[in-house]
Amino acid sequence: MDSLDLEVLTRARDWLHAGHRVMLATVVRTWGSSPRPPGALLALRDDGRAVGSVSGGCIEDDLIHRLRRDGLPRDAHTVSYGVTADEARRFGLPCGGTLQLVLEPLADAGALDDLLARLARNELATRRLDLATGRATLHAGHADQGLHFDGHTLISVFGPRYRLLLIGAGQLSSALARIASALDFAVTVCDPREEYSEEWNVPGTVLTRDMPDDVVIAMRPDARTAVIALTHDPKLDDLALMEALKSPAFYVAALGSRHNNDARRERLKEFDLSEAQIERLHGPAGLYIGSRTPAEIAVSIAAELVAMKNGAAADSLLNVRDAKAALDIAADTLSSCAVTPT
């Protein structure tokens, strides 16, 4: 889950323990463009203090105004913003944007204690809210669940942050780790080579010098995990990729040219992998943006990482492999059509 939303739950719990009344606002539906996705949270305290975000700021201001005018609501209910063009302008929503919130008065600090304890244990949890009764219950969650709202029941999914394992501690890994950390991934970097690992200095990341395939096995990748091989060394990359491709990891990728990745796919066929598992490999990693420098390549890979995390349709993306193949075809076509001067 987003670290901002974790902060919302933590602050809401602390406010309740301090004797305040608290309202939790959850984005449950969006239409068109919207500043925050379903599941985004905002907590409002009875004195008007707020933490979290459901928009660019205007909707938060309106909710605080309502709270100061009417007090916190007694019952859970929904509210929508941006239904009309005038509201869209008033509340700063993008053109055509509409969002629906569930506003829920919180009363039980112990329930949030339980939820936060589960998150501290890296467990996935679902919170089921019955709007008619205001009763919320916690249940075990699983990685393929998402927020669900049918107008009567809100099921929110909370869990540990998305994880990213980078194989290699070089310059590109450093740039990518910084971007991924900003995107709220929990980043682990694996490199048994002392000449690289000794120089690693990216704050907020975990460095391990164990062999990459052992690290993948120990991490037990799930549907909230990505693994990217960046060393160009088959002894380090291939075995790690083999383990990652057999796992439910949502994104498994490798750096390198198309030729090198074709050779890598041939090597992977020698292991206990199916064709379908090998096809899951994104190589060369990244979306095509004409990147050349390590920082630009990191942006390219991060863009594909986020696209896969968010379930972007594969046919709407232009990856490096397909883009360069298309450029080669175009160059060959131009070459064959060229007229030799006489």
C-alpha atoms as a PDB file:
ATOM      1  CA  MET A   1       0.000   0.000   0.000  1.00  0.00           C
ATOM      2  CA  ASP A   2       1.012   3.633  -0.416  1.00  0.00           C
ATOM      3  CA  SER A   3       3.071   4.930   2.527  1.00  0.00           C
ATOM      4  CA  LEU A   4       0.839   8.034   2.576  1.00  0.00           C
ATOM      5  CA  ASP A   5      -2.211   5.835   3.210  1.00  0.00           C
ATOM      6  CA  LEU A   6      -0.323   4.000   5.958  1.00  0.00           C
ATOM      7  CA  GLU A   7       0.361   7.369   7.552  1.00  0.00           C
ATOM      8  CA  VAL A   8      -3.367   8.177   7.367  1.00  0.00           C
ATOM      9  CA  LEU A   9      -4.297   4.999   9.246  1.00  0.00           C
ATOM     10  CA  THR A  10      -1.565   5.554  11.830  1.00  0.00           C
ATOM     11  CA  ARG A  11      -2.533   9.151  12.498  1.00  0.00           C
ATOM     12  CA  ALA A  12      -6.240   8.284  12.643  1.00  0.00           C
ATOM     13  CA  ARG A  13      -5.480   5.584  15.223  1.00  0.00           C
ATOM     14  CA  ASP A  14      -3.365   7.983  17.298  1.00  0.00           C
ATOM     15  CA  TRP A  15      -6.074  10.663  17.196  1.00  0.00           C
ATOM     16  CA  LEU A  16      -8.677   8.170  18.412  1.00  0.00           C
ATOM     17  CA  HIS A  17      -6.438   7.067  21.288  1.00  0.00           C
ATOM     18  CA  ALA A  18      -6.017  10.748  22.199  1.00  0.00           C
ATOM     19  CA  GLY A  19      -9.793  11.114  22.549  1.00  0.00           C
ATOM     20  CA  HIS A  20     -10.604  12.864  19.258  1.00  0.00           C
ATOM     21  CA  ARG A  21     -13.425  11.983  16.894  1.00  0.00           C
ATOM     22  CA  VAL A  22     -12.210  11.080  13.403  1.00  0.00           C
ATOM     23  CA  MET A  23     -13.733  10.653   9.942  1.00  0.00           C
ATOM     24  CA  LEU A  24     -12.119   8.510   7.258  1.00  0.00           C
ATOM     25  CA  ALA A  25     -12.736   9.382   3.596  1.00  0.00           C
ATOM     26  CA  THR A  26     -12.008   6.701   0.972  1.00  0.00           C
ATOM     27  CA  VAL A  27     -12.062   7.203  -2.804  1.00  0.00           C
ATOM     28  CA  VAL A  28     -14.282   4.364  -4.050  1.00  0.00           C
ATOM     29  CA  ARG A  29     -15.047   5.279  -7.657  1.00  0.00           C
ATOM     30  CA  THR A  30     -13.625   7.571 -10.325  1.00  0.00           C
ATOM     31  CA  TRP A  31     -14.869   8.491 -13.784  1.00  0.00           C
ATOM     32  CA  GLY A  32     -12.706  10.155 -16.414  1.00  0.00           C
ATOM     33  CA  SER A  33      -9.548  11.817 -15.118  1.00  0.00           C
ATOM     34  CA  SER A  34      -9.143  12.029 -11.363  1.00  0.00           C
ATOM     35  CA  PRO A  35      -6.301  13.215  -9.116  1.00  0.00           C
ATOM     36  CA  ARG A  36      -6.248  10.152  -6.828  1.00  0.00           C
ATOM     37  CA  PRO A  37      -7.080   6.486  -7.490  1.00  0.00           C
ATOM     38  CA  PRO A  38      -9.721   4.317  -5.774  1.00  0.00           C
ATOM     39  CA  GLY A  39      -8.520   3.362  -2.324  1.00  0.00           C
ATOM     40  CA  ALA A  40      -6.853   6.716  -1.570  1.00  0.00           C
ATOM     41  CA  LEU A  41      -7.477   7.854   2.001  1.00  0.00           C
ATOM     42  CA  LEU A  42      -8.013  11.072   3.945  1.00  0.00           C
ATOM     43  CA  ALA A  43      -8.545  11.328   7.707  1.00  0.00           C
ATOM     44  CA  LEU A  44     -10.214  14.385   9.253  1.00  0.00           C
ATOM     45  CA  ARG A  45     -10.082  15.170  12.966  1.00  0.00           C
ATOM     46  CA  ASP A  46     -12.941  16.838  14.827  1.00  0.00           C
ATOM     47  CA  ASP A  47     -10.982  20.124  15.046  1.00  0.00           C
ATOM     48  CA  GLY A  48     -10.403  20.261  11.280  1.00  0.00           C
ATOM     49  CA  ARG A  49      -6.899  18.806  11.110  1.00  0.00           C
ATOM     50  CA  ALA A  50      -6.352  16.500   8.152  1.00  0.00           C
ATOM     51  CA  VAL A  51      -3.873  13.940   6.852  1.00  0.00           C
ATOM     52  CA  GLY A  52      -3.903  12.219   3.466  1.00  0.00           C
ATOM     53  CA  SER A  53      -5.291  13.197   0.094  1.00  0.00           C
ATOM     54  CA  VAL A  54      -8.289  12.429  -2.130  1.00  0.00           C
ATOM     55  CA  SER A  55      -7.751  15.235  -4.661  1.00  0.00           C
ATOM     56  CA  GLY A  56      -5.477  18.128  -5.452  1.00  0.00           C
ATOM     57  CA  GLY A  57      -6.662  19.963  -2.340  1.00  0.00           C
ATOM     58  CA  CYS A  58     -10.004  21.568  -3.224  1.00  0.00           C
ATOM     59  CA  ILE A  59     -12.129  18.600  -2.146  1.00  0.00           C
ATOM     60  CA  GLU A  60     -10.182  18.374   1.095  1.00  0.00           C
ATOM     61  CA  ASP A  61     -10.975  22.056   1.688  1.00  0.00           C
ATOM     62  CA  ASP A  62     -14.679  21.425   1.063  1.00  0.00           C
ATOM     63  CA  LEU A  63     -14.746  18.465   3.456  1.00  0.00           C
ATOM     64  CA  ILE A  64     -13.021  20.531   6.167  1.00  0.00           C
ATOM     65  CA  HIS A  65     -15.560  23.327   5.560  1.00  0.00           C
ATOM     66  CA  ARG A  66     -18.432  20.849   5.944  1.00  0.00           C
ATOM     67  CA  LEU A  67     -16.889  19.451   9.124  1.00  0.00           C
ATOM     68  CA  ARG A  68     -16.548  22.888  10.709  1.00  0.00           C
ATOM     69  CA  ARG A  69     -20.060  23.829   9.651  1.00  0.00           C
ATOM     70  CA  ASP A  70     -21.926  20.609  10.455  1.00  0.00           C
ATOM     71  CA  GLY A  71     -19.548  18.563  12.580  1.00  0.00           C
ATOM     72  CA  LEU A  72     -18.458  15.009  11.810  1.00  0.00           C
ATOM     73  CA  PRO A  73     -21.163  12.773  10.331  1.00  0.00           C
ATOM     74  CA  ARG A  74     -22.746  10.161  12.603  1.00  0.00           C
ATOM     75  CA  ASP A  75     -23.269   7.552   9.890  1.00  0.00           C
ATOM     76  CA  ALA A  76     -21.241   6.221   6.976  1.00  0.00           C
ATOM     77  CA  HIS A  77     -22.404   7.526   3.611  1.00  0.00           C
ATOM     78  CA  THR A  78     -21.215   8.433   0.109  1.00  0.00           C
ATOM     79  CA  VAL A  79     -20.611  11.814  -1.498  1.00  0.00           C
ATOM     80  CA  SER A  80     -19.699  12.617  -5.118  1.00  0.00           C
ATOM     81  CA  TYR A  81     -17.750  15.501  -6.623  1.00  0.00           C
ATOM     82  CA  GLY A  82     -17.416  16.703 -10.194  1.00  0.00           C
ATOM     83  CA  VAL A  83     -20.763  15.517 -11.541  1.00  0.00           C
ATOM     84  CA  THR A  84     -21.282  18.854 -13.291  1.00  0.00           C
ATOM     85  CA  ALA A  85     -18.839  21.029 -15.210  1.00  0.00           C
ATOM     86  CA  ASP A  86     -19.316  23.743 -12.581  1.00  0.00           C
ATOM     87  CA  GLU A  87     -18.322  21.350  -9.790  1.00  0.00           C
ATOM     88  CA  ALA A  88     -15.339  20.170 -11.802  1.00  0.00           C
ATOM     89  CA  ARG A  89     -14.142  23.773 -12.050  1.00  0.00           C
ATOM     90  CA  ARG A  90     -15.001  24.546  -8.432  1.00  0.00           C
ATOM     91  CA  PHE A  91     -13.161  21.558  -7.016  1.00  0.00           C
ATOM     92  CA  GLY A  92     -10.208  21.632  -9.383  1.00  0.00           C
ATOM     93  CA  LEU A  93     -10.917  18.248 -10.952  1.00  0.00           C
ATOM     94  CA  PRO A  94      -9.441  17.524 -14.379  1.00  0.00           C
ATOM     95  CA  CYS A  95     -11.750  17.954 -17.342  1.00  0.00           C
ATOM     96  CA  GLY A  96     -14.522  15.366 -17.089  1.00  0.00           C
ATOM     97  CA  GLY A  97     -13.234  14.035 -13.768  1.00  0.00           C
ATOM     98  CA  THR A  98     -15.654  12.708 -11.188  1.00  0.00           C
ATOM     99  CA  LEU A  99     -15.002  10.853  -7.976  1.00  0.00           C
ATOM    100  CA  GLN A 100     -17.102   9.247  -5.250  1.00  0.00           C
ATOM    101  CA  LEU A 101     -16.078   9.039  -1.605  1.00  0.00           C
ATOM    102  CA  VAL A 102     -17.243   6.966   1.318  1.00  0.00           C
ATOM    103  CA  LEU A 103     -17.235   9.089   4.492  1.00  0.00           C
ATOM    104  CA  GLU A 104     -16.957   6.930   7.593  1.00  0.00           C
ATOM    105  CA  PRO A 105     -16.929   8.080  11.233  1.00  0.00           C
ATOM    106  CA  LEU A 106     -14.326   6.049  13.137  1.00  0.00           C
ATOM    107  CA  ALA A 107     -14.889   5.013  16.729  1.00  0.00           C
ATOM    108  CA  ASP A 108     -12.755   1.953  17.460  1.00  0.00           C
ATOM    109  CA  ALA A 109      -9.052   2.651  17.868  1.00  0.00           C
ATOM    110  CA  GLY A 110      -8.529  -1.013  18.716  1.00  0.00           C
ATOM    111  CA  ALA A 111      -9.657  -2.079  15.244  1.00  0.00           C
ATOM    112  CA  LEU A 112      -7.025   0.184  13.692  1.00  0.00           C
ATOM    113  CA  ASP A 113      -4.461  -1.204  16.147  1.00  0.00           C
ATOM    114  CA  ASP A 114      -5.284  -4.671  14.799  1.00  0.00           C
ATOM    115  CA  LEU A 115      -5.035  -3.543  11.168  1.00  0.00           C
ATOM    116  CA  LEU A 116      -1.725  -1.761  11.696  1.00  0.00           C
ATOM    117  CA  ALA A 117      -0.318  -4.777  13.563  1.00  0.00           C
ATOM    118  CA  ARG A 118      -1.130  -6.980  10.562  1.00  0.00           C
ATOM    119  CA  LEU A 119       0.585  -4.528   8.233  1.00  0.00           C
ATOM    120  CA  ALA A 120       3.645  -4.469  10.500  1.00  0.00           C
ATOM    121  CA  ARG A 121       3.819  -8.252  10.057  1.00  0.00           C
ATOM    122  CA  ASN A 122       3.762  -7.768   6.257  1.00  0.00           C
ATOM    123  CA  GLU A 123       0.309  -9.352   6.035  1.00  0.00           C
ATOM    124  CA  LEU A 124      -2.359  -8.500   3.494  1.00  0.00           C
ATOM    125  CA  ALA A 125      -5.695  -7.605   5.068  1.00  0.00           C
ATOM    126  CA  THR A 126      -9.155  -6.687   3.842  1.00  0.00           C
ATOM    127  CA  ARG A 127     -11.423  -4.354   5.775  1.00  0.00           C
ATOM    128  CA  ARG A 128     -15.144  -4.820   5.137  1.00  0.00           C
ATOM    129  CA  LEU A 129     -17.410  -1.855   5.935  1.00  0.00           C
ATOM    130  CA  ASP A 130     -21.212  -2.222   5.966  1.00  0.00           C
ATOM    131  CA  LEU A 131     -22.545   1.269   5.268  1.00  0.00           C
ATOM    132  CA  ALA A 132     -25.988   0.472   6.694  1.00  0.00           C
ATOM    133  CA  THR A 133     -24.663  -0.467  10.128  1.00  0.00           C
ATOM    134  CA  GLY A 134     -21.266   1.259  10.085  1.00  0.00           C
ATOM    135  CA  ARG A 135     -19.677  -1.998  11.258  1.00  0.00           C
ATOM    136  CA  ALA A 136     -16.177  -2.760   9.983  1.00  0.00           C
ATOM    137  CA  THR A 137     -14.506  -6.177  10.154  1.00  0.00           C
ATOM    138  CA  LEU A 138     -10.996  -7.393   9.261  1.00  0.00           C
ATOM    139  CA  HIS A 139     -10.178 -10.490   7.232  1.00  0.00           C
ATOM    140  CA  ALA A 140      -7.093 -12.064   5.662  1.00  0.00           C
ATOM    141  CA  GLY A 141      -6.383 -10.783   2.140  1.00  0.00           C
ATOM    142  CA  HIS A 142      -4.641 -12.095  -0.938  1.00  0.00           C
ATOM    143  CA  ALA A 143      -2.507 -10.345  -3.547  1.00  0.00           C
ATOM    144  CA  ASP A 144      -4.977 -10.348  -6.449  1.00  0.00           C
ATOM    145  CA  GLN A 145      -7.693  -8.539  -4.490  1.00  0.00           C
ATOM    146  CA  GLY A 146      -8.619  -4.936  -5.126  1.00  0.00           C
ATOM    147  CA  LEU A 147     -10.977  -2.359  -3.685  1.00  0.00           C
ATOM    148  CA  HIS A 148     -14.649  -3.259  -4.169  1.00  0.00           C
ATOM    149  CA  PHE A 149     -17.711  -1.087  -3.606  1.00  0.00           C
ATOM    150  CA  ASP A 150     -21.271  -2.022  -4.578  1.00  0.00           C
ATOM    151  CA  GLY A 151     -23.079   0.911  -2.987  1.00  0.00           C
ATOM    152  CA  HIS A 152     -23.703  -0.967   0.261  1.00  0.00           C
ATOM    153  CA  THR A 153     -20.433  -2.631   1.233  1.00  0.00           C
ATOM    154  CA  LEU A 154     -16.906  -1.273   0.918  1.00  0.00           C
ATOM    155  CA  ILE A 155     -14.067  -3.794   0.861  1.00  0.00           C
ATOM    156  CA  SER A 156     -10.661  -2.128   1.142  1.00  0.00           C
ATOM    157  CA  VAL A 157      -7.379  -3.993   0.724  1.00  0.00           C
ATOM    158  CA  PHE A 158      -4.375  -3.066   2.844  1.00  0.00           C
ATOM    159  CA  GLY A 159      -0.996  -4.682   2.702  1.00  0.00           C
ATOM    160  CA  PRO A 160       2.756  -4.324   2.589  1.00  0.00           C
ATOM    161  CA  ARG A 161       4.397  -2.106   0.016  1.00  0.00           C
ATOM    162  CA  TYR A 162       5.187  -3.421  -3.441  1.00  0.00           C
ATOM    163  CA  ARG A 163       8.674  -4.929  -3.470  1.00  0.00           C
ATOM    164  CA  LEU A 164      11.422  -4.533  -6.047  1.00  0.00           C
ATOM    165  CA  LEU A 165      14.533  -6.712  -6.226  1.00  0.00           C
ATOM    166  CA  LEU A 166      17.375  -5.339  -8.326  1.00  0.00           C
ATOM    167  CA  ILE A 167      20.167  -7.712  -9.345  1.00  0.00           C
ATOM    168  CA  GLY A 168      23.316  -5.610  -9.544  1.00  0.00           C
ATOM    169  CA  ALA A 169      24.513  -2.545  -7.649  1.00  0.00           C
ATOM    170  CA  GLY A 170      25.878  -0.456 -10.501  1.00  0.00           C
ATOM    171  CA  GLN A 171      25.131   3.078 -11.655  1.00  0.00           C
ATOM    172  CA  LEU A 172      21.887   2.145 -13.414  1.00  0.00           C
ATOM    173  CA  SER A 173      20.673   0.265 -10.339  1.00  0.00           C
ATOM    174  CA  SER A 174      21.375   3.328  -8.219  1.00  0.00           C
ATOM    175  CA  ALA A 175      19.291   5.561 -10.485  1.00  0.00           C
ATOM    176  CA  LEU A 176      16.466   3.033 -10.715  1.00  0.00           C
ATOM    177  CA  ALA A 177      16.466   2.390  -6.952  1.00  0.00           C
ATOM    178  CA  ARG A 178      16.023   6.103  -6.252  1.00  0.00           C
ATOM    179  CA  ILE A 179      13.093   6.359  -8.669  1.00  0.00           C
ATOM    180  CA  ALA A 180      11.475   3.168  -7.332  1.00  0.00           C
ATOM    181  CA  SER A 181      11.833   4.378  -3.748  1.00  0.00           C
ATOM    182  CA  ALA A 182      10.090   7.616  -4.715  1.00  0.00           C
ATOM    183  CA  LEU A 183       7.331   5.463  -6.229  1.00  0.00           C
ATOM    184  CA  ASP A 184       6.988   3.789  -2.800  1.00  0.00           C
ATOM    185  CA  PHE A 185       8.546   0.428  -3.669  1.00  0.00           C
ATOM    186  CA  ALA A 186      10.476  -1.365  -0.948  1.00  0.00           C
ATOM    187  CA  VAL A 187      13.797  -1.816  -2.774  1.00  0.00           C
ATOM    188  CA  THR A 188      16.281  -4.639  -2.196  1.00  0.00           C
ATOM    189  CA  VAL A 189      19.554  -4.672  -4.120  1.00  0.00           C
ATOM    190  CA  CYS A 190      21.553  -7.862  -4.532  1.00  0.00           C
ATOM    191  CA  ASP A 191      25.166  -7.966  -5.678  1.00  0.00           C
ATOM    192  CA  PRO A 192      27.787 -10.447  -4.413  1.00  0.00           C
ATOM    193  CA  ARG A 193      30.552  -8.513  -6.228  1.00  0.00           C
ATOM    194  CA  GLU A 194      32.484  -6.486  -3.658  1.00  0.00           C
ATOM    195  CA  GLU A 195      33.641  -3.882  -6.181  1.00  0.00           C
ATOM    196  CA  TYR A 196      30.002  -2.857  -6.671  1.00  0.00           C
ATOM    197  CA  SER A 197      28.331  -3.630  -3.346  1.00  0.00           C
ATOM    198  CA  GLU A 198      30.987  -1.773  -1.314  1.00  0.00           C
ATOM    199  CA  GLU A 199      30.098   1.447  -3.174  1.00  0.00           C
ATOM    200  CA  TRP A 200      26.306   1.196  -2.773  1.00  0.00           C
ATOM    201  CA  ASN A 201      24.942   4.273  -0.979  1.00  0.00           C
ATOM    202  CA  VAL A 202      21.238   4.696  -1.833  1.00  0.00           C
ATOM    203  CA  PRO A 203      19.332   5.582   1.369  1.00  0.00           C
ATOM    204  CA  GLY A 204      16.241   3.593   2.250  1.00  0.00           C
ATOM    205  CA  THR A 205      17.246   0.464   0.309  1.00  0.00           C
ATOM    206  CA  VAL A 206      18.365  -2.952   1.550  1.00  0.00           C
ATOM    207  CA  LEU A 207      21.658  -4.344   0.215  1.00  0.00           C
ATOM    208  CA  THR A 208      22.504  -8.044   0.268  1.00  0.00           C
ATOM    209  CA  ARG A 209      25.664  -9.781  -0.964  1.00  0.00           C
ATOM    210  CA  ASP A 210      24.075 -13.239  -1.166  1.00  0.00           C
ATOM    211  CA  MET A 211      23.795 -15.028  -4.509  1.00  0.00           C
ATOM    212  CA  PRO A 212      20.855 -13.633  -6.525  1.00  0.00           C
ATOM    213  CA  ASP A 213      18.979 -16.927  -6.971  1.00  0.00           C
ATOM    214  CA  ASP A 214      19.170 -17.568  -3.211  1.00  0.00           C
ATOM    215  CA  VAL A 215      17.816 -14.064  -2.578  1.00  0.00           C
ATOM    216  CA  VAL A 216      14.881 -14.609  -4.949  1.00  0.00           C
ATOM    217  CA  ILE A 217      13.994 -17.898  -3.259  1.00  0.00           C
ATOM    218  CA  ALA A 218      14.260 -16.323   0.208  1.00  0.00           C
ATOM    219  CA  MET A 219      12.056 -13.372  -0.798  1.00  0.00           C
ATOM    220  CA  ARG A 220       9.306 -15.719  -2.051  1.00  0.00           C
ATOM    221  CA  PRO A 221       8.070 -13.259  -4.735  1.00  0.00           C
ATOM    222  CA  ASP A 222       4.318 -12.756  -4.881  1.00  0.00           C
ATOM    223  CA  ALA A 223       2.001 -10.728  -7.104  1.00  0.00           C
ATOM    224  CA  ARG A 224       3.280  -7.520  -5.447  1.00  0.00           C
ATOM    225  CA  THR A 225       6.947  -8.233  -6.290  1.00  0.00           C
ATOM    226  CA  ALA A 226       9.141  -7.277  -9.269  1.00  0.00           C
ATOM    227  CA  VAL A 227      12.591  -8.631 -10.133  1.00  0.00           C
ATOM    228  CA  ILE A 228      14.950  -6.846 -12.550  1.00  0.00           C
ATOM    229  CA  ALA A 229      18.372  -8.198 -13.568  1.00  0.00           C
ATOM    230  CA  LEU A 230      20.888  -5.482 -14.431  1.00  0.00           C
ATOM    231  CA  THR A 231      24.383  -7.004 -14.258  1.00  0.00           C
ATOM    232  CA  HIS A 232      24.883  -8.326 -17.844  1.00  0.00           C
ATOM    233  CA  ASP A 233      26.503 -11.356 -16.138  1.00  0.00           C
ATOM    234  CA  PRO A 234      24.641 -14.615 -16.923  1.00  0.00           C
ATOM    235  CA  LYS A 235      26.101 -16.254 -13.807  1.00  0.00           C
ATOM    236  CA  LEU A 236      24.248 -13.708 -11.681  1.00  0.00           C
ATOM    237  CA  ASP A 237      21.243 -12.836 -13.824  1.00  0.00           C
ATOM    238  CA  ASP A 238      20.084 -16.137 -15.298  1.00  0.00           C
ATOM    239  CA  LEU A 239      19.603 -18.206 -12.155  1.00  0.00           C
ATOM    240  CA  ALA A 240      17.806 -15.323 -10.456  1.00  0.00           C
ATOM    241  CA  LEU A 241      15.546 -14.884 -13.484  1.00  0.00           C
ATOM    242  CA  MET A 242      14.862 -18.617 -13.570  1.00  0.00           C
ATOM    243  CA  GLU A 243      13.522 -18.512  -9.991  1.00  0.00           C
ATOM    244  CA  ALA A 244      11.634 -15.264 -10.540  1.00  0.00           C
ATOM    245  CA  LEU A 245       9.913 -16.501 -13.716  1.00  0.00           C
ATOM    246  CA  LYS A 246       8.574 -19.510 -11.812  1.00  0.00           C
ATOM    247  CA  SER A 247       7.055 -17.209  -9.189  1.00  0.00           C
ATOM    248  CA  PRO A 248       3.901 -15.029  -9.268  1.00  0.00           C
ATOM    249  CA  ALA A 249       6.056 -11.848  -9.545  1.00  0.00           C
ATOM    250  CA  PHE A 250       4.122  -9.306 -11.612  1.00  0.00           C
ATOM    251  CA  TYR A 251       7.200  -8.038 -13.493  1.00  0.00           C
ATOM    252  CA  VAL A 252      10.404  -9.902 -14.319  1.00  0.00           C
ATOM    253  CA  ALA A 253      12.863  -8.090 -16.578  1.00  0.00           C
ATOM    254  CA  ALA A 254      16.458  -8.001 -17.732  1.00  0.00           C
ATOM    255  CA  LEU A 255      18.738  -5.350 -19.156  1.00  0.00           C
ATOM    256  CA  GLY A 256      20.590  -5.903 -22.425  1.00  0.00           C
ATOM    257  CA  SER A 257      20.238  -5.736 -26.177  1.00  0.00           C
ATOM    258  CA  ARG A 258      17.672  -7.732 -28.142  1.00  0.00           C
ATOM    259  CA  HIS A 259      20.439 -10.087 -29.228  1.00  0.00           C
ATOM    260  CA  ASN A 260      21.581 -10.694 -25.664  1.00  0.00           C
ATOM    261  CA  ASN A 261      18.047 -11.237 -24.452  1.00  0.00           C
ATOM    262  CA  ASP A 262      17.352 -13.684 -27.285  1.00  0.00           C
ATOM    263  CA  ALA A 263      20.449 -15.589 -26.192  1.00  0.00           C
ATOM    264  CA  ARG A 264      19.238 -15.412 -22.585  1.00  0.00           C
ATOM    265  CA  ARG A 265      15.883 -16.912 -23.567  1.00  0.00           C
ATOM    266  CA  GLU A 266      17.709 -19.790 -25.280  1.00  0.00           C
ATOM    267  CA  ARG A 267      19.748 -20.382 -22.121  1.00  0.00           C
ATOM    268  CA  LEU A 268      16.614 -20.353 -19.976  1.00  0.00           C
ATOM    269  CA  LYS A 269      15.174 -23.160 -22.108  1.00  0.00           C
ATOM    270  CA  GLU A 270      17.868 -25.388 -20.641  1.00  0.00           C
ATOM    271  CA  PHE A 271      16.320 -24.953 -17.200  1.00  0.00           C
ATOM    272  CA  ASP A 272      13.052 -26.330 -15.876  1.00  0.00           C
ATOM    273  CA  LEU A 273      10.950 -23.537 -17.364  1.00  0.00           C
ATOM    274  CA  SER A 274       7.955 -23.683 -19.669  1.00  0.00           C
ATOM    275  CA  GLU A 275       7.621 -21.583 -22.809  1.00  0.00           C
ATOM    276  CA  ALA A 276       4.895 -19.583 -21.065  1.00  0.00           C
ATOM    277  CA  GLN A 277       7.202 -18.801 -18.151  1.00  0.00           C
ATOM    278  CA  ILE A 278      10.017 -17.691 -20.458  1.00  0.00           C
ATOM    279  CA  GLU A 279       7.551 -15.492 -22.354  1.00  0.00           C
ATOM    280  CA  ARG A 280       6.949 -13.572 -19.133  1.00  0.00           C
ATOM    281  CA  LEU A 281      10.456 -12.137 -19.336  1.00  0.00           C
ATOM    282  CA  HIS A 282      10.565  -8.454 -20.294  1.00  0.00           C
ATOM    283  CA  GLY A 283      13.818  -8.077 -22.141  1.00  0.00           C
ATOM    284  CA  PRO A 284      15.159  -5.635 -23.049  1.00  0.00           C
ATOM    285  CA  ALA A 285      13.552  -4.042 -19.998  1.00  0.00           C
ATOM    286  CA  GLY A 286      11.710  -0.763 -20.338  1.00  0.00           C
ATOM    287  CA  LEU A 287       9.464   1.297 -22.574  1.00  0.00           C
ATOM    288  CA  TYR A 288      10.942   2.962 -25.626  1.00  0.00           C
ATOM    289  CA  ILE A 289      11.770   6.626 -24.970  1.00  0.00           C
ATOM    290  CA  GLY A 290      15.062   6.819 -26.896  1.00  0.00           C
ATOM    291  CA  SER A 291      16.970   6.529 -23.616  1.00  0.00           C
ATOM    292  CA  ARG A 292      20.782   6.534 -23.635  1.00  0.00           C
ATOM    293  CA  THR A 293      22.123   7.570 -20.225  1.00  0.00           C
ATOM    294  CA  PRO A 294      21.742   5.456 -17.057  1.00  0.00           C
ATOM    295  CA  ALA A 295      19.215   7.928 -15.666  1.00  0.00           C
ATOM    296  CA  GLU A 296      17.158   7.843 -18.875  1.00  0.00           C
ATOM    297  CA  ILE A 297      17.259   4.044 -19.003  1.00  0.00           C
ATOM    298  CA  ALA A 298      16.122   3.987 -15.367  1.00  0.00           C
ATOM    299  CA  VAL A 299      13.138   6.164 -16.290  1.00  0.00           C
ATOM    300  CA  SER A 300      12.319   3.802 -19.164  1.00  0.00           C
ATOM    301  CA  ILE A 301      12.406   0.727 -16.911  1.00  0.00           C
ATOM    302  CA  ALA A 302      10.488   2.466 -14.121  1.00  0.00           C
ATOM    303  CA  ALA A 303       7.768   3.423 -16.625  1.00  0.00           C
ATOM    304  CA  GLU A 304       7.285  -0.210 -17.662  1.00  0.00           C
ATOM    305  CA  LEU A 305       7.414  -1.318 -14.022  1.00  0.00           C
ATOM    306  CA  VAL A 306       4.590   1.064 -13.099  1.00  0.00           C
ATOM    307  CA  ALA A 307       2.597   0.121 -16.201  1.00  0.00           C
ATOM    308  CA  MET A 308       2.742  -3.565 -15.239  1.00  0.00           C
ATOM    309  CA  LYS A 309       1.891  -2.761 -11.611  1.00  0.00           C
ATOM    310  CA  ASN A 310      -1.151  -0.769 -12.688  1.00  0.00           C
ATOM    311  CA  GLY A 311      -2.324  -3.330 -15.230  1.00  0.00           C
ATOM    312  CA  ALA A 312      -1.853  -1.143 -18.307  1.00  0.00           C
ATOM    313  CA  ALA A 313      -2.886  -2.997 -21.469  1.00  0.00           C
ATOM    314  CA  ALA A 314       0.143  -4.542 -23.151  1.00  0.00           C
ATOM    315  CA  ASP A 315      -1.001  -3.466 -26.633  1.00  0.00           C
ATOM    316  CA  SER A 316      -1.032   0.182 -25.506  1.00  0.00           C
ATOM    317  CA  LEU A 317       2.671   0.109 -24.590  1.00  0.00           C
ATOM    318  CA  LEU A 318       5.702   0.398 -26.858  1.00  0.00           C
ATOM    319  CA  ASN A 319       8.475  -1.625 -25.269  1.00  0.00           C
ATOM    320  CA  VAL A 320      12.130  -1.339 -26.201  1.00  0.00           C
ATOM    321  CA  ARG A 321      12.253  -4.668 -28.044  1.00  0.00           C
ATOM    322  CA  ASP A 322       9.293  -3.982 -30.360  1.00  0.00           C
ATOM    323  CA  ALA A 323      10.233  -0.346 -30.925  1.00  0.00           C
ATOM    324  CA  LYS A 324      13.790  -1.154 -32.013  1.00  0.00           C
ATOM    325  CA  ALA A 325      12.553  -3.982 -34.225  1.00  0.00           C
ATOM    326  CA  ALA A 326      10.198  -1.518 -35.907  1.00  0.00           C
ATOM    327  CA  LEU A 327      13.032   0.985 -36.354  1.00  0.00           C
ATOM    328  CA  ASP A 328      15.199  -1.718 -37.970  1.00  0.00           C
ATOM    329  CA  ILE A 329      12.402  -2.595 -40.395  1.00  0.00           C
ATOM    330  CA  ALA A 330      11.945   1.062 -41.243  1.00  0.00           C
ATOM    331  CA  ALA A 331      15.688   1.499 -41.822  1.00  0.00           C
ATOM    332  CA  ASP A 332      15.829  -1.593 -44.047  1.00  0.00           C
ATOM    333  CA  THR A 333      12.857  -0.336 -46.051  1.00  0.00           C
ATOM    334  CA  LEU A 334      14.453   3.055 -46.599  1.00  0.00           C
ATOM    335  CA  SER A 335      17.716   1.406 -47.576  1.00  0.00           C
ATOM    336  CA  SER A 336      16.040  -0.866 -50.136  1.00  0.00           C
ATOM    337  CA  CYS A 337      14.153   2.082 -51.639  1.00  0.00           C
ATOM    338  CA  ALA A 338      17.234   4.263 -51.954  1.00  0.00           C
ATOM    339  CA  VAL A 339      18.297   5.152 -55.476  1.00  0.00           C
ATOM    340  CA  THR A 340      22.008   4.772 -56.267  1.00  0.00           C
ATOM    341  CA  PRO A 341      23.231   7.838 -58.211  1.00  0.00           C
ATOM    342  CA  THR A 342      24.769   7.209 -61.625  1.00  0.00           C
END
